[in-house]
Protein backbone atom coordinates (compact mmCIF):
# COMPACT_ATOMS: atom_id res chain seq x y z
CA MET A 1 195.56 200.23 -31.74
CA MET A 2 197.32 203.63 -31.63
CA ALA A 3 198.97 202.33 -28.80
CA LEU A 4 200.00 199.47 -30.40
CA GLY A 5 201.10 200.87 -33.63
CA TYR A 6 203.50 203.82 -31.53
CA ASP A 7 205.12 200.81 -29.76
CA VAL A 8 205.56 198.90 -32.59
CA TYR A 9 207.26 201.92 -34.58
CA GLN A 10 209.47 203.09 -31.41
CA LEU A 11 210.53 199.31 -31.48
CA LEU A 12 211.61 199.14 -35.23
CA ASN A 13 212.82 202.97 -35.39
CA THR A 14 215.54 201.35 -32.11
CA LYS A 15 215.83 197.92 -34.07
CA CYS A 16 214.75 196.53 -30.70
CA LEU A 17 211.52 194.68 -32.05
CA SER A 18 212.09 190.54 -31.06
CA ARG A 19 210.78 188.70 -33.76
CA ARG A 20 209.59 185.69 -31.71
CA THR A 21 207.52 188.62 -30.00
CA LEU A 22 206.01 189.86 -33.11
CA ASN A 23 205.12 185.64 -34.18
CA ARG A 24 203.32 185.62 -30.73
CA LEU A 25 201.46 188.82 -31.43
CA ARG A 26 200.02 187.20 -34.48
CA GLN A 27 198.83 183.93 -32.58
CA TRP A 28 195.40 183.65 -30.78
CA ASP A 29 196.71 182.21 -27.49
CA GLY A 30 199.91 184.48 -27.44
CA PHE A 31 198.73 187.84 -28.11
CA GLN A 32 197.95 188.82 -24.42
CA GLY A 33 201.14 188.03 -23.19
CA ALA A 34 203.30 189.44 -26.17
CA ARG A 35 201.21 192.88 -26.49
CA TYR A 36 201.98 193.77 -22.93
CA GLU A 37 206.05 192.64 -23.29
CA MET A 38 205.91 194.99 -26.15
CA ALA A 39 204.51 197.60 -24.25
CA VAL A 40 207.01 197.31 -21.86
CA ALA A 41 209.94 197.26 -24.01
CA ALA A 42 208.84 200.47 -26.13
CA MET A 43 209.18 202.26 -22.83
CA PHE A 44 212.29 201.38 -22.32
CA CYS A 45 213.22 201.93 -26.18
CA ARG A 46 211.34 206.00 -25.47
CA LEU A 47 213.72 206.16 -22.84
CA GLN A 48 217.21 205.30 -24.99
CA TRP A 49 217.42 202.40 -23.52
CA ARG A 50 219.20 199.04 -26.10
CA LEU A 51 217.65 195.74 -25.67
CA ASP A 52 219.23 192.33 -25.69
CA TYR A 53 216.43 188.93 -25.79
CA PRO A 54 217.46 185.81 -24.35
CA ARG A 55 218.22 183.10 -26.97
CA LYS A 56 215.81 180.55 -27.71
CA ASN A 57 218.49 177.92 -26.43
CA GLN A 58 219.59 179.52 -23.74
CA GLN A 59 219.98 178.02 -20.43
CA GLY A 60 219.20 179.22 -17.12
CA ARG A 61 217.25 181.87 -15.39
CA ARG A 62 215.56 183.76 -18.65
CA PRO A 63 214.05 187.67 -18.17
CA GLU A 64 211.93 189.28 -21.20
CA PHE A 65 214.62 191.15 -21.72
CA VAL A 66 218.14 192.92 -20.62
CA ALA A 67 218.26 196.71 -21.07
CA THR A 68 221.55 198.67 -21.04
CA HIS A 69 221.25 202.39 -20.75
CA GLY A 70 222.77 203.65 -23.92
CA PRO A 71 223.84 207.13 -22.76
CA THR A 72 225.43 205.28 -19.62
CA GLY A 73 225.98 202.20 -19.59
CA PRO A 74 223.73 200.46 -16.62
CA ARG A 75 222.27 196.98 -16.93
CA ILE A 76 218.57 196.10 -15.78
CA ALA A 77 216.67 192.82 -16.27
CA VAL A 78 212.74 192.92 -16.93
CA GLU A 79 210.20 190.50 -16.84
CA ALA A 80 206.57 191.10 -17.74
CA LYS A 81 203.40 189.35 -16.78
CA SER A 82 199.54 190.30 -17.60
CA ARG A 83 197.10 188.71 -15.83
CA HIS A 84 194.75 186.47 -17.79
CA ARG A 85 190.75 187.12 -17.39
CA SER A 86 188.14 184.71 -18.16
CA GLY A 87 186.66 185.97 -21.51
CA VAL A 88 189.42 188.60 -22.16
CA LEU A 89 191.56 188.94 -24.73
CA HIS A 90 191.25 185.43 -26.09
CA GLN A 91 190.12 184.01 -23.12
CA PRO A 92 187.68 181.47 -23.20
CA VAL A 93 184.27 182.31 -20.97
CA THR A 94 184.98 179.71 -17.67
CA ALA A 95 182.08 179.21 -15.40
CA SER A 96 184.44 179.46 -12.41
CA ALA A 97 184.51 182.51 -10.04
CA VAL A 98 187.11 184.81 -11.24
CA LYS A 99 190.19 184.83 -8.40
CA ALA A 100 190.99 187.78 -6.13
CA THR A 101 193.16 190.45 -7.84
CA THR A 102 195.62 189.91 -4.65
CA LYS A 103 196.14 185.67 -5.57
CA GLU A 104 196.90 186.27 -9.03
CA ALA A 105 198.74 189.51 -9.42
CA GLY A 106 200.71 187.17 -6.62
CA ASP A 107 200.98 184.15 -8.44
CA LEU A 108 202.32 186.00 -11.22
CA LEU A 109 205.05 187.73 -9.46
CA GLU A 110 206.37 184.86 -8.34
CA GLN A 111 206.69 183.22 -11.54
CA ALA A 112 208.35 186.33 -12.66
CA LEU A 113 210.76 186.64 -9.62
CA GLU A 114 212.10 182.81 -10.73
CA GLN A 115 212.85 184.51 -13.80
CA LEU A 116 215.61 187.07 -12.66
CA PRO A 117 219.22 186.17 -13.40
CA PRO A 118 220.73 186.79 -9.68
CA ASP A 119 223.94 188.86 -11.06
CA LEU A 120 221.86 192.13 -12.35
CA PRO A 121 219.07 194.65 -10.81
CA ALA A 122 215.81 193.95 -12.23
CA ALA A 123 212.13 195.48 -12.78
CA VAL A 124 209.15 193.50 -12.80
CA PHE A 125 206.09 194.09 -14.44
CA ILE A 126 202.30 192.90 -13.95
CA ASP A 127 199.25 194.09 -15.38
CA LEU A 128 196.26 193.25 -14.00
CA ASN A 129 193.94 193.43 -16.86
CA ALA A 130 190.57 194.41 -15.19
CA PRO A 131 187.77 196.79 -16.58
CA PRO A 132 189.47 200.45 -15.33
CA GLY A 133 186.07 200.51 -12.73
CA ASP A 134 187.44 197.23 -11.25
CA PRO A 135 190.59 198.33 -9.01
CA GLY A 136 189.11 201.28 -8.72
CA ASP A 137 190.06 205.17 -9.20
CA PHE A 138 193.54 203.86 -7.20
CA ASP A 139 190.97 204.23 -4.37
CA VAL A 140 192.41 202.67 -0.68
CA SER A 141 191.23 198.74 -1.02
CA TRP A 142 193.44 198.59 -4.35
CA TRP A 143 196.84 200.07 -2.82
CA VAL A 144 195.91 197.93 0.33
CA ASP A 145 195.42 194.46 -1.83
CA MET A 146 198.62 195.79 -3.28
CA ALA A 147 200.21 196.11 -0.37
CA ALA A 148 199.16 192.47 0.91
CA MET A 149 200.64 191.10 -2.20
CA MET A 150 203.87 192.20 -1.61
CA LYS A 151 203.82 191.04 2.20
CA ARG A 152 203.26 187.75 0.70
CA PHE A 153 207.29 187.61 -0.07
CA GLY A 154 208.47 189.24 3.16
CA GLU A 155 210.36 191.99 4.45
CA PRO A 156 213.93 192.10 2.87
CA THR A 157 217.12 192.82 5.13
CA PRO A 158 220.80 193.61 4.09
CA HIS A 159 221.71 190.14 4.85
CA GLN A 160 218.42 188.72 3.09
CA PRO A 161 217.68 191.48 -0.24
CA ASP A 162 214.83 191.25 -2.61
CA CYS A 163 215.89 190.15 -5.96
CA PHE A 164 214.17 192.83 -7.37
CA ASN A 165 214.79 196.26 -7.45
CA ALA A 166 210.86 197.39 -8.36
CA VAL A 167 208.05 195.97 -9.03
CA PHE A 168 205.20 198.25 -11.43
CA VAL A 169 201.79 196.86 -11.13
CA THR A 170 199.55 198.47 -14.12
CA ASN A 171 196.06 198.17 -15.61
CA TYR A 172 196.22 199.25 -18.75
CA SER A 173 192.66 198.25 -20.16
CA TYR A 174 192.09 199.92 -23.30
CA HIS A 175 190.94 196.57 -25.17
CA TYR A 176 187.64 197.09 -22.51
CA TYR A 177 186.65 199.90 -24.59
CA THR A 178 184.82 199.90 -27.90
CA VAL A 179 183.40 203.27 -29.99
CA GLN A 180 184.23 205.78 -26.67
CA GLU A 181 187.54 206.62 -25.80
CA SER A 182 189.78 204.97 -23.26
CA PRO A 183 190.91 206.77 -20.02
CA ARG A 184 194.65 206.52 -18.75
CA GLY A 185 196.41 203.88 -17.78
CA GLN A 186 196.52 203.19 -14.01
CA SER A 187 200.00 202.14 -12.30
CA MET A 188 201.49 201.41 -9.08
CA PHE A 189 205.69 201.36 -7.97
CA VAL A 190 207.19 199.61 -5.43
CA ALA A 191 210.31 200.23 -4.82
CA SER A 192 212.27 196.88 -2.76
CA THR A 193 214.24 199.11 0.29
CA TYR A 194 216.74 195.99 0.73
CA PRO A 195 217.44 194.96 -2.92
CA ARG A 196 220.43 192.83 -4.41
CA HIS A 197 221.94 194.79 -7.33
CA SER A 198 221.67 198.95 -6.67
CA PHE A 199 220.51 200.75 -9.15
CA PRO A 200 220.40 204.33 -10.43
CA ALA A 201 217.93 206.65 -8.61
CA GLU A 202 217.58 208.90 -11.50
CA LEU A 203 217.15 206.09 -14.48
CA MET A 204 214.46 204.50 -12.06
CA THR A 205 212.48 207.96 -11.62
CA ASP A 206 212.46 208.04 -15.45
CA ILE A 207 210.71 204.58 -15.68
CA VAL A 208 208.39 205.34 -13.06
CA ARG A 209 207.45 208.66 -15.43
CA ALA A 210 207.46 206.65 -18.47
CA VAL A 211 204.79 203.90 -16.66
CA GLY A 212 202.99 206.70 -15.48
CA ASN A 213 202.83 208.79 -19.28
CA TYR A 214 201.99 204.99 -21.10
CA GLY A 215 199.40 205.70 -23.49
CA VAL A 216 199.67 209.41 -24.27
CA LEU A 217 200.85 209.85 -27.50
CA PRO A 218 202.63 212.42 -29.82
CA ASP A 219 200.21 214.77 -31.58
CA GLU A 220 202.03 215.44 -34.78
CA ARG A 221 200.67 217.05 -37.89
CA PHE A 222 202.06 216.24 -41.60
């Protein structure tokens, strides 16, 4: 709740709160996707990016938002997807076995790539929505699984570049805790070796740092 409150505050303070996303947050079946989208949006706002959300009737590919770096001007399209899990975050409990994390994450990434506009650099965020002990404390097997997921999309070349500049795989699993204090989230960053559009390395480094520090709230006394 504190992380959500801080995100809402940041989005309000920078005039980047999407009313459509806020309405989805209030809906039983829309909460999970809206919550993750707001988390990603707030990270960009904290780094002085301005956000432009697609119009409801906008045609063509529509990412979650397009961010413009206020101080320097570069733009980047951002798409965010959160993995649904049986019995978690308002999802119904199903009798079927939970699919492999790699397969589901790959499906979400494929859906996200279809939303990226062809004329902008792009970053994709995928949240695993898994218990903290599920992927482990970034043990080797989890890294291997995510590497296998990326191989599903082939190796880019200068003549056939990736449509994305970076893929962020996160596991912000605070909602699995009740009275206990939740641990820090986990994250993994994959940069394209041959992206379709260039993007300033220093700005990407800032985004990587923001993703890794998500959930750290200012300790202020009033």
